[in-house]
Protein backbone atom coordinates (compact mmCIF):
# COMPACT_ATOMS: atom_id res chain seq x y z
CA MET A 1 90.32 114.06 86.52
CA GLY A 2 91.51 111.22 88.74
CA ARG A 3 89.66 108.02 89.32
CA GLU A 4 87.43 107.79 92.39
CA ARG A 5 88.79 105.70 95.20
CA ALA A 6 87.46 102.17 95.48
CA THR A 7 84.73 101.20 97.91
CA ALA A 8 85.20 97.45 97.42
CA LEU A 9 88.20 95.15 97.28
CA LEU A 10 88.59 91.88 95.38
CA VAL A 11 91.59 89.79 96.45
CA ASP A 12 93.09 86.81 94.66
CA PHE A 13 93.74 83.72 96.76
CA ASP A 14 96.80 81.82 95.50
CA GLY A 15 99.84 84.05 95.25
CA VAL A 16 98.30 86.88 97.28
CA LEU A 17 96.50 85.65 100.40
CA ARG A 18 97.61 82.02 100.25
CA ARG A 19 101.25 81.03 99.81
CA TRP A 20 102.57 77.62 98.87
CA ASP A 21 105.90 76.26 100.11
CA PRO A 22 107.50 74.64 97.03
CA ALA A 23 109.54 72.37 99.31
CA VAL A 24 106.43 70.28 100.00
CA ALA A 25 105.88 69.21 96.40
CA ALA A 26 109.63 68.83 95.89
CA GLY A 27 109.82 66.46 98.86
CA VAL A 28 107.02 64.27 97.47
CA GLU A 29 108.68 64.22 94.05
CA ARG A 30 112.00 63.11 95.57
CA GLU A 31 110.34 60.43 97.66
CA TYR A 32 108.59 58.92 94.64
CA GLY A 33 111.47 59.35 92.20
CA LEU A 34 109.71 61.98 90.10
CA SER A 35 111.38 64.80 88.24
CA GLY A 36 111.27 68.19 89.93
CA GLY A 37 108.16 70.22 89.24
CA VAL A 38 106.26 67.43 87.49
CA LEU A 39 103.28 67.40 89.88
CA THR A 40 102.47 71.05 89.23
CA GLU A 41 103.35 70.76 85.55
CA ILE A 42 100.83 67.97 84.98
CA ALA A 43 98.14 69.51 87.18
CA MET A 44 98.40 72.88 85.44
CA GLN A 45 98.10 71.61 81.89
CA TRP A 46 95.28 73.78 80.57
CA GLY A 47 93.22 70.94 79.12
CA ARG A 48 93.26 69.31 82.55
CA LEU A 49 92.94 72.49 84.61
CA GLN A 50 90.28 74.52 82.82
CA PRO A 51 87.43 72.03 83.34
CA VAL A 52 87.97 71.93 87.11
CA LEU A 53 88.20 75.73 87.34
CA THR A 54 84.83 76.10 85.61
CA GLY A 55 83.05 73.43 87.63
CA ARG A 56 82.77 70.81 84.91
CA VAL A 57 84.78 68.27 86.92
CA SER A 58 85.50 67.94 90.63
CA HIS A 59 88.78 68.51 92.42
CA ALA A 60 88.89 64.78 93.17
CA ASP A 61 88.49 63.91 89.49
CA TRP A 62 91.18 66.42 88.58
CA MET A 63 93.63 64.82 90.99
CA SER A 64 92.69 61.35 89.73
CA SER A 65 93.66 62.48 86.24
CA VAL A 66 97.01 63.71 87.57
CA ALA A 67 97.60 60.32 89.24
CA ASP A 68 96.71 58.53 86.00
CA ALA A 69 99.28 60.63 84.14
CA LEU A 70 101.95 59.77 86.72
CA ALA A 71 101.33 56.02 86.95
CA ASP A 72 104.01 54.93 84.50
CA SER A 73 106.60 57.17 86.16
CA VAL A 74 106.16 55.88 89.71
CA GLY A 75 105.60 52.17 89.22
CA GLY A 76 101.86 51.88 88.93
CA PRO A 77 98.54 53.50 89.78
CA GLU A 78 98.63 52.81 93.53
CA ARG A 79 101.94 54.61 94.03
CA ALA A 80 100.75 57.41 91.78
CA ARG A 81 97.60 57.88 93.87
CA ALA A 82 99.66 57.81 97.07
CA ALA A 83 102.03 60.47 95.73
CA VAL A 84 99.18 62.76 94.72
CA GLU A 85 97.36 62.27 98.03
CA GLN A 86 100.50 63.09 99.98
CA TRP A 87 101.06 66.21 97.88
CA GLN A 88 97.46 67.36 98.31
CA ARG A 89 97.43 67.09 102.10
CA TYR A 90 99.29 70.38 102.27
CA ARG A 91 96.84 73.23 101.70
CA GLY A 92 99.18 76.21 101.85
CA GLU A 93 99.64 79.01 104.34
CA VAL A 94 97.97 82.38 104.90
CA ASP A 95 100.00 85.55 104.44
CA PRO A 96 99.36 87.36 107.75
CA GLU A 97 100.01 90.82 106.32
CA VAL A 98 97.45 90.37 103.56
CA LEU A 99 94.91 88.96 106.00
CA GLY A 100 95.53 91.95 108.26
CA PHE A 101 94.87 94.26 105.32
CA VAL A 102 91.62 92.45 104.51
CA ARG A 103 90.46 92.85 108.10
CA GLU A 104 91.51 96.50 108.18
CA ALA A 105 89.62 97.24 104.97
CA ARG A 106 86.44 95.56 106.20
CA ALA A 107 86.67 97.41 109.50
CA GLY A 108 86.89 100.62 107.46
CA GLY A 109 83.64 99.89 105.66
CA ILE A 110 85.10 98.37 102.47
CA ARG A 111 83.29 95.35 101.05
CA VAL A 112 85.89 92.62 100.50
CA GLY A 113 85.59 89.63 98.20
CA LEU A 114 87.87 86.71 97.56
CA GLY A 115 88.19 86.43 93.78
CA THR A 116 89.79 83.18 92.72
CA ASN A 117 90.08 80.57 90.02
CA ALA A 118 89.41 77.60 92.27
CA THR A 119 87.84 74.16 92.48
CA ASP A 120 85.02 72.72 94.55
CA LEU A 121 87.57 72.23 97.36
CA LEU A 122 87.71 75.96 98.05
CA ASP A 123 85.20 76.00 100.91
CA ALA A 124 87.08 73.19 102.67
CA ASP A 125 90.36 75.05 102.18
CA LEU A 126 88.93 78.25 103.62
CA ALA A 127 87.68 76.32 106.65
CA ALA A 128 91.03 74.56 107.12
CA LEU A 129 92.85 77.90 107.01
CA ASP A 130 90.33 79.63 109.32
CA LEU A 131 89.26 82.05 106.58
CA THR A 132 85.56 81.22 106.34
CA ASP A 133 84.37 84.46 107.96
CA GLU A 134 87.02 86.80 106.55
CA PHE A 135 85.15 87.94 103.39
CA ASP A 136 81.85 89.52 102.51
CA VAL A 137 81.66 87.37 99.37
CA VAL A 138 83.62 84.54 97.77
CA VAL A 139 83.70 84.47 93.98
CA ASN A 140 84.86 81.00 92.98
CA SER A 141 85.29 80.38 89.24
CA SER A 142 84.07 76.80 89.57
CA ARG A 143 80.75 78.11 90.87
CA VAL A 144 80.51 81.06 88.49
CA GLY A 145 81.21 78.71 85.57
CA VAL A 146 83.82 80.98 84.00
CA ASN A 147 87.37 81.75 85.09
CA LYS A 148 89.59 84.81 85.25
CA PRO A 149 90.53 86.70 83.13
CA ALA A 150 87.15 86.54 81.36
CA LYS A 151 85.11 89.75 81.52
CA GLU A 152 82.11 87.69 82.64
CA TYR A 153 84.00 86.55 85.72
CA PHE A 154 84.68 90.11 86.82
CA GLN A 155 81.11 91.15 86.07
CA ALA A 156 79.92 88.36 88.36
CA ALA A 157 82.37 89.48 91.05
CA CYS A 158 81.16 93.10 90.92
CA GLU A 159 77.55 91.92 91.13
CA ALA A 160 78.42 89.81 94.19
CA LEU A 161 80.13 92.81 95.78
CA GLU A 162 77.12 95.00 94.87
CA THR A 163 79.60 97.59 93.60
CA PRO A 164 80.16 99.16 90.15
CA ALA A 165 83.34 97.94 88.47
CA ALA A 166 84.85 101.42 88.56
CA ARG A 167 84.75 101.36 92.37
CA VAL A 168 86.35 97.92 92.82
CA LEU A 169 90.09 97.44 93.42
CA PHE A 170 91.43 94.02 92.38
CA LEU A 171 94.70 92.50 93.65
CA ASP A 172 96.29 89.58 91.77
CA ASP A 173 99.81 88.30 91.18
CA GLU A 174 99.23 87.39 87.51
CA ASP A 175 99.53 89.92 84.69
CA TRP A 176 96.84 88.21 82.60
CA ALA A 177 94.33 88.54 85.44
CA ILE A 178 95.19 92.20 85.94
CA ARG A 179 94.69 92.91 82.24
CA GLY A 180 91.34 91.12 82.27
CA ALA A 181 90.15 93.10 85.29
CA ARG A 182 91.09 96.40 83.68
CA VAL A 183 89.25 95.48 80.49
CA ALA A 184 86.20 94.81 82.69
CA GLY A 185 86.52 98.29 84.19
CA LEU A 186 88.05 97.53 87.59
CA SER A 187 91.09 99.18 89.10
CA ALA A 188 93.76 96.50 89.35
CA LEU A 189 97.11 96.19 91.10
CA ARG A 190 99.67 93.57 90.14
CA TRP A 191 100.64 92.08 93.50
CA SER A 192 104.35 91.59 94.12
CA GLY A 193 104.34 91.48 97.91
CA PRO A 194 103.39 93.36 101.08
CA ALA A 195 105.23 96.48 99.89
CA ASP A 196 102.22 97.00 97.59
CA LEU A 197 99.90 97.48 100.56
CA ARG A 198 100.75 101.18 100.73
CA TYR A 199 99.36 101.73 97.24
CA ALA A 200 96.36 99.49 97.90
CA ARG A 201 95.43 101.43 101.03
CA ALA A 202 95.70 104.73 99.16
CA ALA A 203 93.35 103.41 96.45
CA LEU A 204 90.59 102.55 98.93
CA ALA A 205 88.01 105.01 100.29
CA TYR A 206 88.40 104.49 104.01
């Protein structure tokens, strides 16, 4: 017997709805004489990243720690702070096809949540990208206190959506997140691009 179609949708932010142009970080790194990819490499070190994703430190403190780590490479703390500030001014771009799908699903009666490992800057980012009113719920790991792929994160997301896990479809571009969602009982689709929208639409009950 096949699985029932989903009545709620949980969409990842970075890599699905929001895209980042790698040329921005690369340009900052060239300007400040940094090696390619070092900004993201330092920021994504798990010991530095996990506390900000679970709300134990702020986005500002996280970026300060990145600047501290860069200081010796760029000629001092002031240049390091300037490099990080310049990098952080860019807040990404919205994928119009994914946003169109979110709007279509909501118009069809599907509850839609944004499910993201994010910092306390998320609300400001959503406002800057004109996304504040595009979701029924926003499930931010830094507010939940636990990050994907933990089962507790997905339980919190289903509670926010007021929908049983078995009736929630989750879209994410990371395999580890997809595996975590499936363990928690959700349907999950590994996002590789807008070509996946055909499957996602078929999985929803509208």
